[in-house]
Amino acid sequence: MKRFKIITSAVLAALMLLAMAAPAFAEDGAIEGSFRFLTYNVAGLGLTGSNALAAKQGWIGEALKNDGANIVATQEDFSQTDMISEKWGVAYRTHAQSNPVTGDGLNIYSETPIYNVAREGWNKKGGAIWEGDIVSQKGVMMAVVELQKGVYVDVYNLHADAFGGQESREARYDNFAQTVAFVKSHSKDHAVIITGDFNCAFHFGEPEGKDLYNKFIEQLGMRDAWTDVVNGGSFTDYSAYKGSYWGSWDSVECVLYRSSDTLTLTPETHDYLWFRQESNGMDLSDHAAAAVNFRYTASAAAEETGLTPAGPERISFIKVLQIVFADLKYAFSHFDEVIAMLKYANNTEYLYEHYSR
C-alpha cells in the first residue's frame, strides 16, 4: 500500500508540473499567460573591461535570477554580457558589440526564444564631448520575443541622448522620432513593448514630457505602464507624487506597451528596484531598474514564419574605421573641450557652465 501511495504521488506531481508548463486556455479558446518584464541601465561605461566590472556584472546576473524576471532589457551592457547570462542561467540573449567604441550596449535577455534582432544607431547626437554621447554608439534595437508557442511580442530597447543642453535635447527629440519610424517599419499592427533609458520622463512636462507623449502615445498608440498602474492613466496630473525620483515619479526608465488585434497586454504591477551588492550594500548601478508584471491574452497561436533566431552579431571592419575616424575628427575639432575634460574631470560644475550646449 505504501508503494502504491508513493507511485500515485509521483504521478500526481508529474501531472501538476505538466499543467504548469502547458499554455493556459480561456473558455473561448484564447491563450492566456503572464510574464515579468524588467529594464535596467547596468552602468557599464565607467568600468568596461575591468575586473571590477566583471564582478559587478556577475552580481547583476545573480540579482536578475533572484528577481524572477522573464524578459530583461539592458543598457550600457558591454564587455561582460556573458557574465550576466552565466550567473543568471537565462536561456536566450542578444549579442551587442562587446565594447563602447563600436557597440550600443543594448541587449535583451529572455527565458523564451528571441528572433529577428535589428539595430539602428542614432542619426543625431548632441552635447559636449565630455558628456559621452558624441563618441558613443547609442541607438535603438528590436527583437521578437516568443512568450509561449505561437505568441509573440516585439520588444524595442533604446538609450537616448543624455544631459540637458539645447543640443542634447534636440538630439533626444530626433532619437524619439527615429524610434517611431523604426517601430512603424518593423511592427505594423504588432503588439509592442518599447523600453530603455529615455533620459527624460513624461512628468518633465514642456517640452520634453510633451514630446514623449506626442511621439509615443499619439503617433504609435502606446501606453505607459507607470502611468496606467500608478497614476491612474493621467499624463498631466502628478500632484500625488513627491519626494525621491525613482519610486515616486515616473522615471527615465520607461516601459511603454501596445496591444494588437490578436494579443492584449495588461500591466498589473510596476516597481522601481535598486539591486545591491550583498557584501557591502552598494548599488550595482546609478539607475534603478523598472519592473512590470504583464498579463496577456492571445486570440490564437500565430504561425512560426519569417523568424531568425538571435545569434552572434558582427560589425564590419569598414564600419569600425568609420566610427573611429568620426570620433577622432570630432575630438580634434573640439580640442579645447578634450583638454578641459582631462583638466576638470572632477569639476562637473565648471564643465556644465563652460561646455554644455
Protein backbone atom coordinates (compact mmCIF):
# COMPACT_ATOMS: atom_id res chain seq x y z
CA MET A 1 0.00 0.00 0.00
CA LYS A 2 2.86 2.35 0.88
CA ARG A 3 4.46 1.69 -2.53
CA PHE A 4 1.13 2.42 -4.26
CA LYS A 5 0.85 5.76 -2.42
CA ILE A 6 4.39 6.72 -3.48
CA ILE A 7 3.69 5.88 -7.15
CA THR A 8 0.36 7.74 -7.05
CA SER A 9 2.01 10.80 -5.51
CA ALA A 10 4.72 10.77 -8.15
CA VAL A 11 2.14 10.57 -10.97
CA LEU A 12 0.10 13.42 -9.50
CA ALA A 13 3.24 15.55 -9.10
CA ALA A 14 4.19 14.91 -12.73
CA LEU A 15 0.70 15.84 -13.90
CA MET A 16 0.86 19.08 -11.88
CA LEU A 17 4.21 20.02 -13.46
CA LEU A 18 2.81 19.35 -16.94
CA ALA A 19 -0.20 21.50 -16.18
CA MET A 20 2.03 24.37 -15.02
CA ALA A 21 4.19 24.14 -18.17
CA ALA A 22 1.28 23.94 -20.61
CA PRO A 23 -0.31 27.07 -22.11
CA ALA A 24 -3.40 28.32 -20.32
CA PHE A 25 -6.53 28.41 -22.45
CA ALA A 26 -9.55 30.55 -21.63
CA GLU A 27 -13.07 29.22 -22.09
CA ASP A 28 -13.30 30.87 -25.53
CA GLY A 29 -10.08 29.19 -26.70
CA ALA A 30 -7.84 32.22 -26.14
CA ILE A 31 -4.30 31.65 -24.86
CA GLU A 32 -3.52 33.34 -21.55
CA GLY A 33 -0.31 33.88 -19.65
CA SER A 34 1.89 36.33 -17.76
CA PHE A 35 5.49 37.47 -17.67
CA ARG A 36 7.72 39.76 -15.63
CA PHE A 37 9.48 42.43 -17.69
CA LEU A 38 12.42 44.48 -16.43
CA THR A 39 14.57 47.27 -17.90
CA TYR A 40 17.93 48.16 -16.35
CA ASN A 41 20.81 50.50 -17.19
CA VAL A 42 23.67 48.45 -15.76
CA ALA A 43 26.17 51.36 -15.80
CA GLY A 44 28.80 49.50 -17.81
CA LEU A 45 30.62 52.52 -19.24
CA GLY A 46 32.78 53.59 -16.32
CA LEU A 47 34.44 50.24 -15.64
CA THR A 48 34.27 48.50 -19.01
CA GLY A 49 36.82 45.71 -19.33
CA SER A 50 37.99 45.84 -15.71
CA ASN A 51 37.89 43.13 -13.07
CA ALA A 52 35.54 45.33 -11.04
CA LEU A 53 33.01 45.36 -13.88
CA ALA A 54 33.28 41.59 -14.34
CA ALA A 55 32.43 41.09 -10.68
CA LYS A 56 29.63 43.66 -10.78
CA GLN A 57 28.01 42.14 -13.86
CA GLY A 58 28.13 38.74 -12.18
CA TRP A 59 26.25 40.17 -9.20
CA ILE A 60 23.73 41.72 -11.61
CA GLY A 61 23.17 38.32 -13.22
CA GLU A 62 22.50 36.81 -9.81
CA ALA A 63 20.17 39.70 -8.91
CA LEU A 64 18.14 39.19 -12.10
CA LYS A 65 17.91 35.48 -11.40
CA ASN A 66 16.70 36.11 -7.85
CA ASP A 67 14.19 38.70 -9.07
CA GLY A 68 12.41 36.14 -11.22
CA ALA A 69 12.27 38.32 -14.33
CA ASN A 70 11.35 36.54 -17.57
CA ILE A 71 12.45 39.24 -20.04
CA VAL A 72 15.10 41.89 -19.33
CA ALA A 73 16.30 44.80 -21.48
CA THR A 74 19.68 46.29 -20.55
CA GLN A 75 21.55 49.46 -21.47
CA GLU A 76 25.31 50.17 -21.11
CA ASP A 77 25.75 46.40 -21.25
CA PHE A 78 29.11 45.84 -22.91
CA SER A 79 32.04 43.60 -22.14
CA GLN A 80 30.59 41.26 -19.55
CA THR A 81 27.34 40.17 -21.17
CA ASP A 82 28.46 36.54 -20.86
CA MET A 83 28.90 37.02 -17.13
CA ILE A 84 25.33 38.28 -16.69
CA SER A 85 23.80 35.39 -18.64
CA GLU A 86 26.09 32.81 -16.99
CA LYS A 87 25.25 33.86 -13.44
CA TRP A 88 21.58 34.20 -14.29
CA GLY A 89 21.41 30.97 -16.29
CA VAL A 90 19.00 32.56 -18.77
CA ALA A 91 18.45 30.58 -21.95
CA TYR A 92 18.35 33.31 -24.63
CA ARG A 93 20.01 36.68 -25.21
CA THR A 94 21.12 39.10 -27.88
CA HIS A 95 24.76 39.92 -28.56
CA ALA A 96 25.67 43.61 -28.62
CA GLN A 97 29.18 44.65 -29.64
CA SER A 98 31.50 43.98 -26.71
CA ASN A 99 32.97 47.46 -26.30
CA PRO A 100 31.64 51.03 -26.05
CA VAL A 101 33.64 52.24 -29.05
CA THR A 102 31.65 50.23 -31.60
CA GLY A 103 28.76 48.78 -29.58
CA ASP A 104 25.47 50.31 -28.48
CA GLY A 105 25.36 48.45 -25.14
CA LEU A 106 21.78 47.32 -25.76
CA ASN A 107 20.73 43.73 -25.06
CA ILE A 108 17.65 41.66 -24.39
CA TYR A 109 17.68 38.54 -22.20
CA SER A 110 14.77 36.11 -22.13
CA GLU A 111 13.74 32.75 -20.74
CA THR A 112 11.92 32.15 -24.04
CA PRO A 113 13.26 32.35 -27.64
CA ILE A 114 14.37 35.63 -29.25
CA TYR A 115 14.19 36.28 -33.01
CA ASN A 116 14.78 38.89 -35.74
CA VAL A 117 17.22 41.20 -33.95
CA ALA A 118 17.73 44.59 -35.64
CA ARG A 119 19.64 47.70 -34.57
CA GLU A 120 19.94 51.35 -35.58
CA GLY A 121 22.47 53.91 -34.37
CA TRP A 122 21.15 57.42 -33.78
CA ASN A 123 21.14 59.77 -36.73
CA LYS A 124 21.70 62.77 -34.45
CA LYS A 125 23.90 63.26 -31.38
CA GLY A 126 24.36 66.35 -29.25
CA GLY A 127 26.18 67.97 -26.38
CA ALA A 128 29.76 68.37 -25.24
CA ILE A 129 32.33 65.65 -25.77
CA TRP A 130 32.76 65.06 -22.04
CA GLU A 131 29.09 64.07 -21.78
CA GLY A 132 29.88 60.98 -23.85
CA ASP A 133 27.01 60.99 -26.34
CA ILE A 134 29.05 62.31 -29.24
CA VAL A 135 31.56 59.46 -29.17
CA SER A 136 29.25 56.64 -28.04
CA GLN A 137 27.18 54.42 -30.31
CA LYS A 138 23.82 54.75 -28.63
CA GLY A 139 20.71 53.82 -30.56
CA VAL A 140 17.69 51.54 -30.61
CA MET A 141 17.33 47.79 -31.11
CA MET A 142 14.40 45.45 -31.52
CA ALA A 143 13.73 41.75 -31.23
CA VAL A 144 10.74 39.45 -31.45
CA VAL A 145 10.25 37.55 -28.18
CA GLU A 146 8.17 34.37 -28.09
CA LEU A 147 6.08 34.47 -24.90
CA GLN A 148 4.90 30.92 -25.47
CA LYS A 149 4.33 28.71 -28.50
CA GLY A 150 2.88 30.91 -31.25
CA VAL A 151 2.58 34.07 -29.09
CA TYR A 152 4.99 36.89 -29.96
CA VAL A 153 5.67 40.47 -28.85
CA ASP A 154 8.05 42.96 -30.48
CA VAL A 155 10.42 44.42 -27.87
CA TYR A 156 12.31 47.68 -28.51
CA ASN A 157 15.20 48.80 -26.32
CA LEU A 158 16.73 52.28 -26.61
CA HIS A 159 19.30 54.52 -24.96
CA ALA A 160 18.61 58.15 -25.79
CA ASP A 161 20.98 61.12 -25.82
CA ALA A 162 21.63 62.38 -22.27
CA PHE A 163 22.01 65.73 -20.49
CA GLY A 164 20.02 68.94 -20.64
CA GLY A 165 21.77 71.32 -23.03
CA GLN A 166 19.94 72.53 -26.10
CA GLU A 167 21.92 70.29 -28.47
CA SER A 168 21.25 67.27 -26.26
CA ARG A 169 17.53 67.98 -26.12
CA GLU A 170 17.32 68.43 -29.88
CA ALA A 171 19.21 65.18 -30.39
CA ARG A 172 16.85 63.41 -27.98
CA TYR A 173 13.79 64.63 -29.86
CA ASP A 174 15.35 63.27 -33.04
CA ASN A 175 16.16 59.96 -31.32
CA PHE A 176 12.49 59.53 -30.46
CA ALA A 177 11.35 60.45 -33.97
CA GLN A 178 13.79 57.89 -35.36
CA THR A 179 12.45 55.27 -32.93
CA VAL A 180 8.88 55.95 -34.08
CA ALA A 181 9.92 55.40 -37.70
CA PHE A 182 11.84 52.25 -36.70
CA VAL A 183 8.78 50.80 -34.96
CA LYS A 184 6.48 51.65 -37.86
CA SER A 185 8.83 49.91 -40.30
CA HIS A 186 9.13 46.69 -38.27
CA SER A 187 5.98 46.31 -36.20
CA LYS A 188 2.89 47.45 -38.09
CA ASP A 189 -0.19 46.02 -36.33
CA HIS A 190 2.00 44.09 -33.85
CA ALA A 191 1.89 44.08 -30.06
CA VAL A 192 4.87 46.15 -28.91
CA ILE A 193 6.91 46.99 -25.81
CA ILE A 194 9.26 49.99 -26.02
CA THR A 195 11.67 50.35 -23.12
CA GLY A 196 15.14 51.55 -22.16
CA ASP A 197 16.81 54.67 -20.81
CA PHE A 198 14.90 57.57 -22.37
CA ASN A 199 16.84 60.22 -20.41
CA CYS A 200 13.56 62.08 -19.88
CA ALA A 201 10.14 61.30 -18.45
CA PHE A 202 6.51 62.22 -19.02
CA HIS A 203 6.33 64.28 -15.81
CA PHE A 204 9.02 66.64 -17.16
CA GLY A 205 6.18 68.50 -18.87
CA GLU A 206 7.06 71.03 -21.56
CA PRO A 207 8.85 70.48 -23.80
CA GLU A 208 10.31 67.00 -23.17
CA GLY A 209 7.43 65.19 -21.50
CA LYS A 210 5.13 66.60 -24.17
CA ASP A 211 7.50 65.36 -26.87
CA LEU A 212 7.41 61.87 -25.34
CA TYR A 213 3.63 61.98 -25.35
CA ASN A 214 3.33 63.26 -28.91
CA LYS A 215 5.79 60.73 -30.31
CA PHE A 216 4.89 57.53 -28.50
CA ILE A 217 1.34 57.92 -27.22
CA GLU A 218 -0.24 59.84 -30.09
CA GLN A 219 1.80 58.59 -33.05
CA LEU A 220 2.30 54.95 -32.06
CA GLY A 221 -0.71 54.35 -29.82
CA MET A 222 1.47 53.23 -26.89
CA ARG A 223 0.60 53.35 -23.20
CA ASP A 224 2.98 53.90 -20.28
CA ALA A 225 2.98 51.19 -17.59
CA TRP A 226 3.81 53.52 -14.67
CA THR A 227 1.16 56.00 -15.73
CA ASP A 228 -1.53 53.32 -16.03
CA VAL A 229 -0.67 51.28 -12.93
CA VAL A 230 0.42 54.03 -10.51
CA ASN A 231 -1.00 57.33 -11.77
CA GLY A 232 -4.50 56.33 -12.82
CA GLY A 233 -3.76 56.76 -16.52
CA SER A 234 -3.07 60.51 -16.28
CA PHE A 235 -0.18 62.01 -18.25
CA THR A 236 -0.81 65.50 -16.84
CA ASP A 237 -1.58 65.27 -13.10
CA TYR A 238 1.35 64.24 -10.88
CA SER A 239 0.18 66.08 -7.77
CA ALA A 240 0.05 62.91 -5.67
CA TYR A 241 3.74 62.14 -6.18
CA LYS A 242 6.53 63.95 -4.42
CA GLY A 243 9.92 63.08 -2.97
CA SER A 244 12.61 60.91 -4.49
CA TYR A 245 12.87 60.50 -8.24
CA TRP A 246 12.77 56.71 -8.56
CA GLY A 247 9.82 55.36 -6.68
CA SER A 248 7.69 58.49 -6.51
CA TRP A 249 7.67 59.78 -10.09
CA ASP A 250 7.73 58.11 -13.45
CA SER A 251 11.40 57.87 -14.39
CA VAL A 252 13.69 57.88 -17.41
CA GLU A 253 13.24 54.08 -17.39
CA CYS A 254 10.02 53.87 -19.39
CA VAL A 255 8.08 50.70 -20.13
CA LEU A 256 5.65 51.54 -22.92
CA TYR A 257 3.29 48.91 -24.29
CA ARG A 258 0.74 48.43 -27.06
CA SER A 259 -1.70 45.61 -27.71
CA SER A 260 -2.71 44.28 -31.13
CA ASP A 261 -5.85 42.78 -32.60
CA THR A 262 -4.62 39.31 -31.60
CA LEU A 263 -2.59 39.95 -28.41
CA THR A 264 -3.73 42.02 -25.42
CA LEU A 265 -1.07 43.22 -22.94
CA THR A 266 -2.17 44.39 -19.49
CA PRO A 267 0.32 45.73 -16.89
CA GLU A 268 -0.66 44.64 -13.38
CA THR A 269 2.21 45.94 -11.22
CA HIS A 270 5.03 48.48 -11.60
CA ASP A 271 8.04 48.80 -9.30
CA TYR A 272 11.45 50.50 -9.19
CA LEU A 273 14.21 48.28 -7.84
CA TRP A 274 17.70 49.01 -6.52
CA PHE A 275 19.92 45.96 -6.89
CA ARG A 276 22.72 45.99 -4.34
CA GLN A 277 25.90 44.08 -3.63
CA GLU A 278 25.20 41.80 -0.69
CA SER A 279 28.63 42.17 0.92
CA ASN A 280 28.58 45.96 1.31
CA GLY A 281 25.11 47.15 0.29
CA MET A 282 26.47 49.26 -2.58
CA ASP A 283 24.18 49.89 -5.55
CA LEU A 284 25.15 47.91 -8.65
CA SER A 285 24.16 50.81 -10.93
CA ASP A 286 23.46 54.52 -10.77
CA HIS A 287 19.99 53.70 -12.11
CA ALA A 288 17.05 51.88 -10.60
CA ALA A 289 15.52 49.09 -12.63
CA ALA A 290 11.87 49.33 -13.66
CA ALA A 291 9.89 46.09 -13.37
CA VAL A 292 6.41 45.42 -14.73
CA ASN A 293 4.30 42.30 -14.36
CA PHE A 294 2.23 41.81 -17.51
CA ARG A 295 -0.78 39.62 -18.12
CA TYR A 296 -1.59 38.73 -21.73
CA THR A 297 -4.32 37.13 -23.77
CA ALA A 298 -3.81 35.90 -27.35
CA SER A 299 -6.82 35.09 -29.50
CA ALA A 300 -4.91 32.29 -31.25
CA ALA A 301 -1.40 30.99 -31.83
CA ALA A 302 0.39 32.62 -34.76
CA GLU A 303 2.26 30.75 -37.49
CA GLU A 304 6.01 30.48 -36.99
CA THR A 305 7.19 32.04 -40.24
CA GLY A 306 9.94 34.53 -41.05
CA LEU A 307 11.73 34.06 -37.73
CA THR A 308 15.53 34.09 -37.46
CA PRO A 309 16.92 33.08 -34.03
CA ALA A 310 19.14 35.61 -32.27
CA GLY A 311 22.81 34.81 -32.73
CA PRO A 312 26.27 36.38 -32.95
CA GLU A 313 26.26 39.95 -34.28
CA ARG A 314 29.30 41.31 -36.05
CA ILE A 315 30.27 44.75 -37.31
CA SER A 316 32.35 45.16 -40.44
CA PHE A 317 35.92 46.42 -40.29
CA ILE A 318 34.96 49.30 -42.57
CA LYS A 319 32.25 50.36 -40.11
CA VAL A 320 34.73 50.24 -37.23
CA LEU A 321 37.11 52.52 -39.15
CA GLN A 322 34.25 54.93 -39.92
CA ILE A 323 33.31 55.13 -36.23
CA VAL A 324 36.89 55.67 -35.05
CA PHE A 325 37.53 58.29 -37.74
CA ALA A 326 34.37 60.21 -36.84
CA ASP A 327 35.29 60.20 -33.14
CA LEU A 328 38.84 61.36 -33.79
CA LYS A 329 37.62 64.06 -36.18
CA TYR A 330 35.26 65.44 -33.56
CA ALA A 331 37.89 65.26 -30.80
CA PHE A 332 40.44 67.22 -32.81
CA SER A 333 37.87 69.80 -33.91
CA HIS A 334 36.89 70.34 -30.25
CA PHE A 335 40.35 70.05 -28.74
CA ASP A 336 39.66 72.67 -26.08
CA GLU A 337 36.84 70.53 -24.75
CA VAL A 338 39.09 67.47 -24.62
CA ILE A 339 41.69 69.39 -22.61
CA ALA A 340 39.02 70.75 -20.27
CA MET A 341 37.60 67.27 -19.81
CA LEU A 342 41.00 65.99 -18.72
CA LYS A 343 41.79 69.01 -16.57
CA TYR A 344 38.43 69.39 -14.85
CA ALA A 345 37.32 65.76 -14.75
CA ASN A 346 36.20 66.12 -11.14
CA ASN A 347 34.66 69.56 -11.54
CA THR A 348 31.36 68.91 -13.28
CA GLU A 349 30.03 72.36 -12.40
CA TYR A 350 32.83 74.00 -14.41
CA LEU A 351 32.22 71.69 -17.37
CA TYR A 352 28.49 72.31 -17.29
CA GLU A 353 28.98 76.06 -17.13
CA HIS A 354 31.53 76.35 -19.94
CA TYR A 355 30.87 73.48 -22.32
CA SER A 356 27.26 72.24 -22.13
CA ARG A 357 25.33 73.26 -25.20
